[in-house]
C-alpha atoms as a PDB file:
ATOM      1  CA  MET A   1     133.359  87.897  93.052  1.00  0.00           C
ATOM      2  CA  THR A   2     134.837  90.737  90.989  1.00  0.00           C
ATOM      3  CA  THR A   3     135.446  93.886  92.998  1.00  0.00           C
ATOM      4  CA  PRO A   4     132.149  95.763  92.759  1.00  0.00           C
ATOM      5  CA  GLN A   5     131.709  99.305  91.564  1.00  0.00           C
ATOM      6  CA  GLN A   6     130.573 101.043  94.742  1.00  0.00           C
ATOM      7  CA  PRO A   7     127.845 103.690  94.467  1.00  0.00           C
ATOM      8  CA  SER A   8     129.035 107.129  95.478  1.00  0.00           C
ATOM      9  CA  ARG A   9     126.148 107.513  97.918  1.00  0.00           C
ATOM     10  CA  ASP A  10     122.988 105.817  99.165  1.00  0.00           C
ATOM     11  CA  ARG A  11     120.610 107.163  96.526  1.00  0.00           C
ATOM     12  CA  LEU A  12     117.811 104.850  97.665  1.00  0.00           C
ATOM     13  CA  GLY A  13     118.120 106.176 101.211  1.00  0.00           C
ATOM     14  CA  GLU A  14     118.070 109.738  99.920  1.00  0.00           C
ATOM     15  CA  ARG A  15     114.914 109.104  97.914  1.00  0.00           C
ATOM     16  CA  LEU A  16     113.189 107.479 100.869  1.00  0.00           C
ATOM     17  CA  ALA A  17     114.172 110.355 103.140  1.00  0.00           C
ATOM     18  CA  ALA A  18     112.483 112.733 100.708  1.00  0.00           C
ATOM     19  CA  GLY A  19     109.234 110.732 100.523  1.00  0.00           C
ATOM     20  CA  PRO A  20     107.735 107.475  99.253  1.00  0.00           C
ATOM     21  CA  VAL A  21     109.523 105.566  96.506  1.00  0.00           C
ATOM     22  CA  VAL A  22     107.596 103.935  93.651  1.00  0.00           C
ATOM     23  CA  CYS A  23     109.109 100.903  91.920  1.00  0.00           C
ATOM     24  CA  GLY A  24     107.507  99.591  88.756  1.00  0.00           C
ATOM     25  CA  GLU A  25     107.543  95.795  88.492  1.00  0.00           C
ATOM     26  CA  GLY A  26     105.435  93.191  86.706  1.00  0.00           C
ATOM     27  CA  TYR A  27     107.677  92.577  83.689  1.00  0.00           C
ATOM     28  CA  LEU A  28     106.989  88.832  83.473  1.00  0.00           C
ATOM     29  CA  PHE A  29     103.226  89.072  83.029  1.00  0.00           C
ATOM     30  CA  GLU A  30     103.236  92.211  80.900  1.00  0.00           C
ATOM     31  CA  LEU A  31     105.779  90.902  78.423  1.00  0.00           C
ATOM     32  CA  GLU A  32     103.958  87.549  78.324  1.00  0.00           C
ATOM     33  CA  ARG A  33     100.739  89.376  77.455  1.00  0.00           C
ATOM     34  CA  ARG A  34     102.567  91.256  74.707  1.00  0.00           C
ATOM     35  CA  GLY A  35     103.839  88.016  73.197  1.00  0.00           C
ATOM     36  CA  TYR A  36     107.510  88.199  74.136  1.00  0.00           C
ATOM     37  CA  LEU A  37     107.804  85.754  77.042  1.00  0.00           C
ATOM     38  CA  GLN A  38     106.543  82.216  77.599  1.00  0.00           C
ATOM     39  CA  ALA A  39     104.268  81.504  80.564  1.00  0.00           C
ATOM     40  CA  GLY A  40     105.362  78.472  82.526  1.00  0.00           C
ATOM     41  CA  ALA A  41     109.087  78.671  83.040  1.00  0.00           C
ATOM     42  CA  PHE A  42     108.787  82.490  82.780  1.00  0.00           C
ATOM     43  CA  VAL A  43     112.471  82.880  81.874  1.00  0.00           C
ATOM     44  CA  PRO A  44     113.208  86.410  80.547  1.00  0.00           C
ATOM     45  CA  GLU A  45     114.860  85.386  77.283  1.00  0.00           C
ATOM     46  CA  VAL A  46     113.229  88.512  75.844  1.00  0.00           C
ATOM     47  CA  VAL A  47     116.207  90.422  77.262  1.00  0.00           C
ATOM     48  CA  LEU A  48     118.389  88.857  74.565  1.00  0.00           C
ATOM     49  CA  GLU A  49     115.789  88.258  71.855  1.00  0.00           C
ATOM     50  CA  HIS A  50     113.913  91.583  71.973  1.00  0.00           C
ATOM     51  CA  PRO A  51     115.890  94.048  74.113  1.00  0.00           C
ATOM     52  CA  GLU A  52     113.991  96.957  72.582  1.00  0.00           C
ATOM     53  CA  GLU A  53     110.764  95.667  74.169  1.00  0.00           C
ATOM     54  CA  VAL A  54     112.358  95.477  77.608  1.00  0.00           C
ATOM     55  CA  ALA A  55     113.737  99.002  77.244  1.00  0.00           C
ATOM     56  CA  ALA A  56     110.336 100.249  76.084  1.00  0.00           C
ATOM     57  CA  LEU A  57     108.568  98.779  79.119  1.00  0.00           C
ATOM     58  CA  HIS A  58     111.171 100.286  81.442  1.00  0.00           C
ATOM     59  CA  ARG A  59     110.493 103.682  79.872  1.00  0.00           C
ATOM     60  CA  GLN A  60     106.736 103.222  80.076  1.00  0.00           C
ATOM     61  CA  PHE A  61     106.917 102.462  83.789  1.00  0.00           C
ATOM     62  CA  VAL A  62     109.092 105.537  84.380  1.00  0.00           C
ATOM     63  CA  HIS A  63     106.676 107.611  82.261  1.00  0.00           C
ATOM     64  CA  ALA A  64     103.874 106.333  84.530  1.00  0.00           C
ATOM     65  CA  GLY A  65     105.682 107.312  87.724  1.00  0.00           C
ATOM     66  CA  SER A  66     108.322 104.747  88.685  1.00  0.00           C
ATOM     67  CA  ASP A  67     111.337 106.145  90.536  1.00  0.00           C
ATOM     68  CA  VAL A  68     113.255 102.960  89.792  1.00  0.00           C
ATOM     69  CA  VAL A  69     114.348 100.962  86.764  1.00  0.00           C
ATOM     70  CA  GLU A  70     114.629  97.379  87.939  1.00  0.00           C
ATOM     71  CA  ALA A  71     116.864  95.222  85.768  1.00  0.00           C
ATOM     72  CA  PHE A  72     114.825  92.363  84.346  1.00  0.00           C
ATOM     73  CA  THR A  73     116.825  89.536  85.898  1.00  0.00           C
ATOM     74  CA  TYR A  74     113.908  87.965  87.752  1.00  0.00           C
ATOM     75  CA  TYR A  75     114.062  84.205  87.050  1.00  0.00           C
ATOM     76  CA  ALA A  76     117.335  84.750  85.193  1.00  0.00           C
ATOM     77  CA  HIS A  77     119.251  82.598  87.644  1.00  0.00           C
ATOM     78  CA  ARG A  78     121.197  79.407  87.042  1.00  0.00           C
ATOM     79  CA  GLU A  79     118.429  77.019  88.120  1.00  0.00           C
ATOM     80  CA  LYS A  80     115.784  78.450  85.798  1.00  0.00           C
ATOM     81  CA  LEU A  81     118.172  78.345  82.869  1.00  0.00           C
ATOM     82  CA  ARG A  82     119.125  74.756  83.708  1.00  0.00           C
ATOM     83  CA  VAL A  83     115.451  73.760  83.571  1.00  0.00           C
ATOM     84  CA  ILE A  84     115.031  75.145  80.041  1.00  0.00           C
ATOM     85  CA  GLY A  85     118.424  73.807  78.919  1.00  0.00           C
ATOM     86  CA  LYS A  86     120.050  77.187  78.312  1.00  0.00           C
ATOM     87  CA  ASP A  87     122.725  77.464  80.984  1.00  0.00           C
ATOM     88  CA  GLY A  88     125.011  79.154  78.472  1.00  0.00           C
ATOM     89  CA  ILE A  89     122.995  82.372  78.325  1.00  0.00           C
ATOM     90  CA  LEU A  90     123.186  83.044  82.079  1.00  0.00           C
ATOM     91  CA  GLU A  91     125.882  85.714  82.033  1.00  0.00           C
ATOM     92  CA  PRO A  92     124.958  87.467  78.779  1.00  0.00           C
ATOM     93  CA  LEU A  93     121.296  87.603  79.804  1.00  0.00           C
ATOM     94  CA  ASN A  94     122.057  89.148  83.199  1.00  0.00           C
ATOM     95  CA  LYS A  95     124.602  91.609  81.846  1.00  0.00           C
ATOM     96  CA  GLN A  96     122.365  92.714  78.991  1.00  0.00           C
ATOM     97  CA  ALA A  97     119.394  93.193  81.343  1.00  0.00           C
ATOM     98  CA  LEU A  98     121.536  95.415  83.549  1.00  0.00           C
ATOM     99  CA  GLU A  99     122.864  97.357  80.560  1.00  0.00           C
ATOM    100  CA  ILE A 100     119.335  97.993  79.246  1.00  0.00           C
ATOM    101  CA  ALA A 101     118.172  99.148  82.674  1.00  0.00           C
ATOM    102  CA  ARG A 102     121.292 101.273  83.171  1.00  0.00           C
ATOM    103  CA  GLU A 103     120.699 103.157  79.922  1.00  0.00           C
ATOM    104  CA  VAL A 104     117.080 103.911  80.806  1.00  0.00           C
ATOM    105  CA  ALA A 105     117.916 104.906  84.388  1.00  0.00           C
ATOM    106  CA  ASP A 106     120.704 107.226  83.238  1.00  0.00           C
ATOM    107  CA  SER A 107     118.522 108.907  80.640  1.00  0.00           C
ATOM    108  CA  THR A 108     115.572 109.409  83.006  1.00  0.00           C
ATOM    109  CA  GLY A 109     117.338 110.256  86.275  1.00  0.00           C
ATOM    110  CA  THR A 110     115.861 107.262  88.053  1.00  0.00           C
ATOM    111  CA  LEU A 111     117.430 104.674  90.348  1.00  0.00           C
ATOM    112  CA  LEU A 112     118.893 101.453  88.985  1.00  0.00           C
ATOM    113  CA  ALA A 113     118.025  98.300  90.934  1.00  0.00           C
ATOM    114  CA  GLY A 114     119.538  94.870  90.523  1.00  0.00           C
ATOM    115  CA  ASN A 115     117.255  91.922  91.163  1.00  0.00           C
ATOM    116  CA  ILE A 116     117.452  88.408  92.589  1.00  0.00           C
ATOM    117  CA  CYS A 117     114.585  86.147  93.528  1.00  0.00           C
ATOM    118  CA  ASN A 118     113.400  82.787  94.825  1.00  0.00           C
ATOM    119  CA  THR A 119     115.371  79.927  93.290  1.00  0.00           C
ATOM    120  CA  GLY A 120     113.215  76.828  93.746  1.00  0.00           C
ATOM    121  CA  VAL A 121     116.350  75.141  95.103  1.00  0.00           C
ATOM    122  CA  TYR A 122     116.423  76.126  98.781  1.00  0.00           C
ATOM    123  CA  ASP A 123     115.671  73.332 101.267  1.00  0.00           C
ATOM    124  CA  PRO A 124     115.910  74.165 104.982  1.00  0.00           C
ATOM    125  CA  ALA A 125     117.127  70.640 105.743  1.00  0.00           C
ATOM    126  CA  ASP A 126     119.793  70.494 103.025  1.00  0.00           C
ATOM    127  CA  PRO A 127     122.927  72.598 103.612  1.00  0.00           C
ATOM    128  CA  ALA A 128     124.118  71.816 100.083  1.00  0.00           C
ATOM    129  CA  SER A 129     121.088  73.660  98.730  1.00  0.00           C
ATOM    130  CA  HIS A 130     122.057  76.691 100.806  1.00  0.00           C
ATOM    131  CA  ASP A 131     125.470  76.714  99.142  1.00  0.00           C
ATOM    132  CA  ALA A 132     123.867  76.425  95.701  1.00  0.00           C
ATOM    133  CA  VAL A 133     121.532  79.346  96.433  1.00  0.00           C
ATOM    134  CA  ARG A 134     124.411  81.465  97.732  1.00  0.00           C
ATOM    135  CA  GLU A 135     126.400  80.759  94.577  1.00  0.00           C
ATOM    136  CA  MET A 136     123.480  81.792  92.353  1.00  0.00           C
ATOM    137  CA  PHE A 137     122.899  84.993  94.285  1.00  0.00           C
ATOM    138  CA  THR A 138     126.606  85.813  94.412  1.00  0.00           C
ATOM    139  CA  GLU A 139     127.003  85.776  90.646  1.00  0.00           C
ATOM    140  CA  GLN A 140     123.840  87.808  89.983  1.00  0.00           C
ATOM    141  CA  VAL A 141     124.514  90.382  92.700  1.00  0.00           C
ATOM    142  CA  GLY A 142     128.098  90.623  91.512  1.00  0.00           C
ATOM    143  CA  TRP A 143     126.977  91.548  88.007  1.00  0.00           C
ATOM    144  CA  ALA A 144     124.553  94.121  89.443  1.00  0.00           C
ATOM    145  CA  ALA A 145     127.346  95.692  91.479  1.00  0.00           C
ATOM    146  CA  GLN A 146     129.635  95.807  88.452  1.00  0.00           C
ATOM    147  CA  ALA A 147     126.863  97.567  86.511  1.00  0.00           C
ATOM    148  CA  GLY A 148     126.683 100.298  89.153  1.00  0.00           C
ATOM    149  CA  ALA A 149     123.294  99.401  90.618  1.00  0.00           C
ATOM    150  CA  ASP A 150     122.084 101.784  93.304  1.00  0.00           C
ATOM    151  CA  TYR A 151     120.650  98.876  95.278  1.00  0.00           C
ATOM    152  CA  VAL A 152     119.520  95.284  94.898  1.00  0.00           C
ATOM    153  CA  ILE A 153     116.017  93.898  95.316  1.00  0.00           C
ATOM    154  CA  GLY A 154     115.728  90.350  96.669  1.00  0.00           C
ATOM    155  CA  GLU A 155     112.133  89.280  96.301  1.00  0.00           C
ATOM    156  CA  THR A 156     109.378  86.685  96.308  1.00  0.00           C
ATOM    157  CA  PHE A 157     110.972  84.626  99.071  1.00  0.00           C
ATOM    158  CA  ARG A 158     108.742  82.053 100.754  1.00  0.00           C
ATOM    159  CA  TYR A 159     111.606  80.827 102.964  1.00  0.00           C
ATOM    160  CA  LEU A 160     113.101  83.167 105.537  1.00  0.00           C
ATOM    161  CA  GLY A 161     116.306  81.135 105.246  1.00  0.00           C
ATOM    162  CA  GLU A 162     116.596  81.920 101.549  1.00  0.00           C
ATOM    163  CA  ALA A 163     115.909  85.601 102.212  1.00  0.00           C
ATOM    164  CA  ARG A 164     118.694  85.593 104.815  1.00  0.00           C
ATOM    165  CA  ILE A 165     121.155  84.309 102.231  1.00  0.00           C
ATOM    166  CA  ALA A 166     120.042  86.955  99.727  1.00  0.00           C
ATOM    167  CA  LEU A 167     120.522  89.680 102.320  1.00  0.00           C
ATOM    168  CA  GLU A 168     123.968  88.405 103.311  1.00  0.00           C
ATOM    169  CA  VAL A 169     125.145  88.323  99.703  1.00  0.00           C
ATOM    170  CA  ILE A 170     123.856  91.827  98.965  1.00  0.00           C
ATOM    171  CA  ARG A 171     125.424  93.236 102.131  1.00  0.00           C
ATOM    172  CA  GLU A 172     128.796  91.780 101.141  1.00  0.00           C
ATOM    173  CA  THR A 173     128.840  94.230  98.203  1.00  0.00           C
ATOM    174  CA  GLY A 174     128.000  97.239 100.368  1.00  0.00           C
ATOM    175  CA  LEU A 175     124.868  97.928  98.321  1.00  0.00           C
ATOM    176  CA  PRO A 176     121.540  98.795  99.976  1.00  0.00           C
ATOM    177  CA  SER A 177     118.961  96.007  99.995  1.00  0.00           C
ATOM    178  CA  VAL A 178     115.219  95.668  99.608  1.00  0.00           C
ATOM    179  CA  ILE A 179     114.147  92.228 100.854  1.00  0.00           C
ATOM    180  CA  LEU A 180     110.610  91.115 100.053  1.00  0.00           C
ATOM    181  CA  LEU A 181     108.771  88.053 101.298  1.00  0.00           C
ATOM    182  CA  VAL A 182     105.702  86.244 100.009  1.00  0.00           C
ATOM    183  CA  ALA A 183     102.694  85.800 102.262  1.00  0.00           C
ATOM    184  CA  GLY A 184     100.859  82.751 100.931  1.00  0.00           C
ATOM    185  CA  GLN A 185      97.419  81.557 101.974  1.00  0.00           C
ATOM    186  CA  GLU A 186      98.664  81.816 105.559  1.00  0.00           C
ATOM    187  CA  PRO A 187     100.969  84.714 106.569  1.00  0.00           C
ATOM    188  CA  VAL A 188     103.789  82.379 107.539  1.00  0.00           C
ATOM    189  CA  THR A 189     107.023  81.529 105.717  1.00  0.00           C
ATOM    190  CA  ARG A 190     107.572  77.975 104.513  1.00  0.00           C
ATOM    191  CA  ASP A 191     110.088  77.523 107.316  1.00  0.00           C
ATOM    192  CA  GLY A 192     107.424  78.345 109.894  1.00  0.00           C
ATOM    193  CA  VAL A 193     108.051  81.972 110.839  1.00  0.00           C
ATOM    194  CA  SER A 194     105.304  84.590 110.882  1.00  0.00           C
ATOM    195  CA  ILE A 195     105.663  87.208 108.172  1.00  0.00           C
ATOM    196  CA  THR A 196     105.894  89.977 110.754  1.00  0.00           C
ATOM    197  CA  GLU A 197     108.630  88.206 112.726  1.00  0.00           C
ATOM    198  CA  ALA A 198     110.507  87.365 109.520  1.00  0.00           C
ATOM    199  CA  CYS A 199     110.507  91.026 108.484  1.00  0.00           C
ATOM    200  CA  ARG A 200     111.632  92.004 111.979  1.00  0.00           C
ATOM    201  CA  GLU A 201     114.584  89.621 111.750  1.00  0.00           C
ATOM    202  CA  LEU A 202     115.618  90.779 108.268  1.00  0.00           C
ATOM    203  CA  ALA A 203     115.561  94.407 109.417  1.00  0.00           C
ATOM    204  CA  ALA A 204     117.663  93.499 112.445  1.00  0.00           C
ATOM    205  CA  ARG A 205     120.157  91.765 110.143  1.00  0.00           C
ATOM    206  CA  GLY A 206     120.632  94.960 108.154  1.00  0.00           C
ATOM    207  CA  ALA A 207     118.035  95.037 105.375  1.00  0.00           C
ATOM    208  CA  ASP A 208     117.417  98.635 104.320  1.00  0.00           C
ATOM    209  CA  VAL A 209     113.795  97.985 103.330  1.00  0.00           C
ATOM    210  CA  VAL A 210     111.607  94.980 104.171  1.00  0.00           C
ATOM    211  CA  GLY A 211     108.122  93.983 103.169  1.00  0.00           C
ATOM    212  CA  LEU A 212     105.943  91.937 100.859  1.00  0.00           C
ATOM    213  CA  ASN A 213     105.578  91.416  97.144  1.00  0.00           C
ATOM    214  CA  CYS A 214     103.558  89.288  94.748  1.00  0.00           C
ATOM    215  CA  VAL A 215     100.902  86.570  95.242  1.00  0.00           C
ATOM    216  CA  ARG A 216      98.433  88.593  97.344  1.00  0.00           C
ATOM    217  CA  GLY A 217      96.273  91.327  95.883  1.00  0.00           C
ATOM    218  CA  PRO A 218      95.637  94.683  97.544  1.00  0.00           C
ATOM    219  CA  ALA A 219      92.721  93.498  99.700  1.00  0.00           C
ATOM    220  CA  THR A 220      94.591  90.587 101.276  1.00  0.00           C
ATOM    221  CA  MET A 221      98.031  92.174 101.527  1.00  0.00           C
ATOM    222  CA  LEU A 222      96.818  95.337 103.238  1.00  0.00           C
ATOM    223  CA  PRO A 223      95.970  93.782 106.651  1.00  0.00           C
ATOM    224  CA  LEU A 224      99.551  92.468 106.964  1.00  0.00           C
ATOM    225  CA  LEU A 225     101.275  95.806 106.439  1.00  0.00           C
ATOM    226  CA  GLY A 226     100.457  97.672 109.653  1.00  0.00           C
ATOM    227  CA  PRO A 227     101.869  94.942 111.925  1.00  0.00           C
ATOM    228  CA  ILE A 228     105.064  94.831 109.854  1.00  0.00           C
ATOM    229  CA  ALA A 229     105.474  98.609 110.044  1.00  0.00           C
ATOM    230  CA  ALA A 230     104.970  98.496 113.810  1.00  0.00           C
ATOM    231  CA  ALA A 231     107.585  95.753 114.184  1.00  0.00           C
ATOM    232  CA  VAL A 232     110.518  97.262 112.267  1.00  0.00           C
ATOM    233  CA  ASP A 233     112.550 100.455 112.260  1.00  0.00           C
ATOM    234  CA  VAL A 234     113.259 100.517 108.518  1.00  0.00           C
ATOM    235  CA  PRO A 235     111.009 101.494 105.586  1.00  0.00           C
ATOM    236  CA  VAL A 236     108.305  98.977 104.715  1.00  0.00           C
ATOM    237  CA  ALA A 237     107.540  97.877 101.153  1.00  0.00           C
ATOM    238  CA  ALA A 238     104.262  96.719  99.621  1.00  0.00           C
ATOM    239  CA  LEU A 239     104.046  95.428  96.044  1.00  0.00           C
ATOM    240  CA  PRO A 240     100.815  93.443  95.606  1.00  0.00           C
ATOM    241  CA  VAL A 241      99.564  91.832  92.441  1.00  0.00           C
ATOM    242  CA  PRO A 242      96.720  93.876  90.919  1.00  0.00           C
ATOM    243  CA  TYR A 243      94.093  91.161  91.324  1.00  0.00           C
ATOM    244  CA  ARG A 244      90.950  90.927  93.441  1.00  0.00           C
ATOM    245  CA  THR A 245      92.007  88.357  95.989  1.00  0.00           C
ATOM    246  CA  THR A 246      89.659  87.684  98.901  1.00  0.00           C
ATOM    247  CA  ASP A 247      89.729  86.200 102.384  1.00  0.00           C
ATOM    248  CA  ASP A 248      88.549  82.899 100.907  1.00  0.00           C
ATOM    249  CA  GLN A 249      90.953  83.114  97.961  1.00  0.00           C
ATOM    250  CA  PRO A 250      93.816  85.204  99.370  1.00  0.00           C
ATOM    251  CA  THR A 251      96.376  84.597  96.611  1.00  0.00           C
ATOM    252  CA  PHE A 252      96.203  84.807  92.845  1.00  0.00           C
ATOM    253  CA  HIS A 253      97.033  81.108  92.681  1.00  0.00           C
ATOM    254  CA  ALA A 254      93.873  80.408  94.709  1.00  0.00           C
ATOM    255  CA  LEU A 255      91.468  82.432  92.550  1.00  0.00           C
ATOM    256  CA  ARG A 256      88.691  80.446  90.873  1.00  0.00           C
ATOM    257  CA  ASP A 257      86.504  81.854  88.109  1.00  0.00           C
ATOM    258  CA  PRO A 258      82.790  81.170  88.690  1.00  0.00           C
ATOM    259  CA  VAL A 259      82.153  81.403  84.938  1.00  0.00           C
ATOM    260  CA  PRO A 260      82.608  77.944  83.376  1.00  0.00           C
ATOM    261  CA  ALA A 261      85.402  77.930  80.820  1.00  0.00           C
ATOM    262  CA  PRO A 262      88.019  75.458  79.625  1.00  0.00           C
ATOM    263  CA  LEU A 263      91.238  76.381  81.427  1.00  0.00           C
ATOM    264  CA  PRO A 264      94.663  74.738  81.572  1.00  0.00           C
ATOM    265  CA  GLN A 265      94.748  72.671  84.784  1.00  0.00           C
ATOM    266  CA  GLU A 266      91.362  74.307  85.605  1.00  0.00           C
ATOM    267  CA  LEU A 267      93.210  77.320  87.053  1.00  0.00           C
ATOM    268  CA  PRO A 268      92.952  80.981  86.053  1.00  0.00           C
ATOM    269  CA  PHE A 269      96.599  81.403  87.132  1.00  0.00           C
ATOM    270  CA  PRO A 270      98.608  82.561  85.290  1.00  0.00           C
ATOM    271  CA  THR A 271      97.043  83.187  81.877  1.00  0.00           C
ATOM    272  CA  ALA A 272      93.318  83.660  82.616  1.00  0.00           C
ATOM    273  CA  LEU A 273      93.363  86.136  85.492  1.00  0.00           C
ATOM    274  CA  ASP A 274      91.828  88.922  83.398  1.00  0.00           C
ATOM    275  CA  PRO A 275      88.371  88.807  85.076  1.00  0.00           C
ATOM    276  CA  PHE A 276      89.995  89.441  88.467  1.00  0.00           C
ATOM    277  CA  THR A 277      92.071  92.474  87.471  1.00  0.00           C
ATOM    278  CA  CYS A 278      91.879  95.522  89.717  1.00  0.00           C
ATOM    279  CA  HIS A 279      91.011  98.830  88.093  1.00  0.00           C
ATOM    280  CA  ARG A 280      93.111 101.925  88.673  1.00  0.00           C
ATOM    281  CA  TYR A 281      90.828 103.315  91.382  1.00  0.00           C
ATOM    282  CA  GLU A 282      91.261 100.173  93.478  1.00  0.00           C
ATOM    283  CA  ILE A 283      95.025 100.630  93.212  1.00  0.00           C
ATOM    284  CA  ALA A 284      94.651 104.253  94.295  1.00  0.00           C
ATOM    285  CA  ASP A 285      92.589 103.177  97.301  1.00  0.00           C
ATOM    286  CA  PHE A 286      95.168 100.568  98.274  1.00  0.00           C
ATOM    287  CA  THR A 287      97.918 103.167  98.004  1.00  0.00           C
ATOM    288  CA  ARG A 288      96.120 105.544 100.373  1.00  0.00           C
ATOM    289  CA  ARG A 289      95.473 102.800 102.891  1.00  0.00           C
ATOM    290  CA  ALA A 290      98.977 101.359 102.676  1.00  0.00           C
ATOM    291  CA  ARG A 291     100.496 104.812 103.154  1.00  0.00           C
ATOM    292  CA  ALA A 292      98.355 105.267 106.263  1.00  0.00           C
ATOM    293  CA  ALA A 293      99.587 101.875 107.509  1.00  0.00           C
ATOM    294  CA  GLY A 294     103.184 103.069 107.311  1.00  0.00           C
ATOM    295  CA  VAL A 295     104.370 101.882 103.886  1.00  0.00           C
ATOM    296  CA  GLN A 296     107.128 103.977 102.295  1.00  0.00           C
ATOM    297  CA  TYR A 297     108.223 101.845  99.337  1.00  0.00           C
ATOM    298  CA  PHE A 298     105.438 101.153  96.843  1.00  0.00           C
ATOM    299  CA  GLY A 299     104.978  99.159  93.695  1.00  0.00           C
ATOM    300  CA  LEU A 300     102.977  96.496  91.926  1.00  0.00           C
ATOM    301  CA  CYS A 301     104.000  93.011  90.900  1.00  0.00           C
ATOM    302  CA  CYS A 302     102.801  90.428  88.356  1.00  0.00           C
ATOM    303  CA  GLY A 303      99.889  91.735  86.316  1.00  0.00           C
ATOM    304  CA  ALA A 304     100.704  95.413  86.686  1.00  0.00           C
ATOM    305  CA  ALA A 305     100.420  97.786  83.750  1.00  0.00           C
ATOM    306  CA  PRO A 306     101.485 101.427  83.441  1.00  0.00           C
ATOM    307  CA  HIS A 307      98.013 102.822  84.168  1.00  0.00           C
ATOM    308  CA  HIS A 308      98.039 101.030  87.535  1.00  0.00           C
ATOM    309  CA  LEU A 309     101.407 102.539  88.351  1.00  0.00           C
ATOM    310  CA  ARG A 310     100.268 106.025  87.350  1.00  0.00           C
ATOM    311  CA  ALA A 311      97.298 105.744  89.727  1.00  0.00           C
ATOM    312  CA  MET A 312      99.690 104.777  92.522  1.00  0.00           C
ATOM    313  CA  ALA A 313     102.071 107.646  91.795  1.00  0.00           C
ATOM    314  CA  GLU A 314      99.294 110.220  91.541  1.00  0.00           C
ATOM    315  CA  THR A 315      97.779 109.041  94.824  1.00  0.00           C
ATOM    316  CA  LEU A 316     101.149 109.712  96.441  1.00  0.00           C
ATOM    317  CA  GLY A 317     101.023 113.289  95.172  1.00  0.00           C
ATOM    318  CA  ARG A 318     103.174 112.833  92.079  1.00  0.00           C
ATOM    319  CA  THR A 319     102.590 114.237  88.622  1.00  0.00           C
ATOM    320  CA  PRO A 320     104.466 111.857  86.315  1.00  0.00           C
ATOM    321  CA  PRO A 321     104.630 112.569  82.572  1.00  0.00           C
ATOM    322  CA  ALA A 322     101.727 110.154  82.038  1.00  0.00           C
ATOM    323  CA  SER A 323      99.500 112.467  84.093  1.00  0.00           C
ATOM    324  CA  ARG A 324      99.279 114.607  80.959  1.00  0.00           C
ATOM    325  CA  TYR A 325      96.843 111.935  79.780  1.00  0.00           C
ATOM    326  CA  SER A 326      94.993 111.147  83.003  1.00  0.00           C
ATOM    327  CA  PRO A 327      91.222 110.847  82.518  1.00  0.00           C
ATOM    328  CA  ASP A 328      89.131 113.986  82.101  1.00  0.00           C
ATOM    329  CA  MET A 329      85.552 113.039  81.341  1.00  0.00           C
ATOM    330  CA  SER A 330      84.242 116.620  81.280  1.00  0.00           C
ATOM    331  CA  LYS A 331      84.313 116.681  77.477  1.00  0.00           C
ATOM    332  CA  HIS A 332      83.020 113.188  76.799  1.00  0.00           C
ATOM    333  CA  VAL A 333      80.328 113.315  74.145  1.00  0.00           C
ATOM    334  CA  TYR A 334      77.700 111.665  76.376  1.00  0.00           C
ATOM    335  CA  LEU A 335      79.041 111.747  79.940  1.00  0.00           C
ATOM    336  CA  GLY A 336      80.682 115.163  79.981  1.00  0.00           C
ATOM    337  CA  ALA A 337      79.368 118.431  81.382  1.00  0.00           C
ATOM    338  CA  ASP A 338      81.278 120.970  79.297  1.00  0.00           C
ATOM    339  CA  GLU A 339      79.033 123.738  78.008  1.00  0.00           C
ATOM    340  CA  LYS A 340      80.310 123.245  74.462  1.00  0.00           C
ATOM    341  CA  LEU A 341      78.824 119.745  74.317  1.00  0.00           C
ATOM    342  CA  ARG A 342      75.519 119.140  72.560  1.00  0.00           C
ATOM    343  CA  ALA A 343      72.597 118.838  74.955  1.00  0.00           C
ATOM    344  CA  ALA A 344      70.921 116.146  72.847  1.00  0.00           C
ATOM    345  CA  ASN A 345      73.889 113.856  73.336  1.00  0.00           C
ATOM    346  CA  GLN A 346      73.908 114.459  77.065  1.00  0.00           C
ATOM    347  CA  GLU A 347      70.262 113.514  77.205  1.00  0.00           C
ATOM    348  CA  PHE A 348      71.035 110.331  75.266  1.00  0.00           C
ATOM    349  CA  ARG A 349      73.305 109.175  78.099  1.00  0.00           C
ATOM    350  CA  LYS A 350      70.194 107.920  79.886  1.00  0.00           C
ATOM    351  CA  VAL A 351      69.802 105.115  77.362  1.00  0.00           C
ATOM    352  CA  LEU A 352      73.454 104.215  76.765  1.00  0.00           C
END
């Protein structure tokens, strides 16, 4: 690995010491919805093909309240690129994603985070797969360090063993780490460890922040957060997907739409989840409850949009630039109460 550019100080730690940190995520789904990324492989070729769209979304998340610009290198690892037959764009894609994020972070005074994620390669019983995963993480984390990242996020890990490797690689650079696990239909990793115990181990091994991201919505992630906070002595992270998961359907993969409609593979995931989307007030409620449970590092994952993030930031007492446009219904033609409104229109509200 090339000698990394060390950060002058632990800016993530400083931000956490001052209060909760908000990290905007959800680039895959949002850029797919906008027509710049293909659902399925979900490889972020948009970084090279339409860098202006990636930069714009970074800025929109910061405008909405994100303290962090996370380089869009999720699923930009060697295995994903092998699957789509584009191994040759690995390094330019990662470096350009980091450059785009760096420019936005510098211009907005926010933190820059590198990103690595689940590989689809890790097999607990196959040591060769462990070496392959380590190699993939080493090259991506190395590029993040060279770009001057303030910290690195390792996320969406279903295997504790894979998360361990991610943590080890990040720690080798001296950068702070945020390590996030997935709680599937049962709150147990694929290698058989409870989510709480897995977070406890990762904290003991030196992770700066531990917690959960993706797959579960606010309602089904929330019950897992208090036990994690009670088990660790580092900040806890919570980044749910903004979908209405339930006890019977605890993940967004498990959601089933009761309204008959022709769907690919008969599943709403990933391109027909619209009917299950949380509104901003549900995100605000989750934020309050998660804060009470001990969460210090907040965000939203696949499906998030800037208005969700603004609701989260405002609930934490922030006034991001987007708050200039937060709802004020007092002057609505029918629903408002301002004295300058016409009474006849306010009466008409009864039959809207």
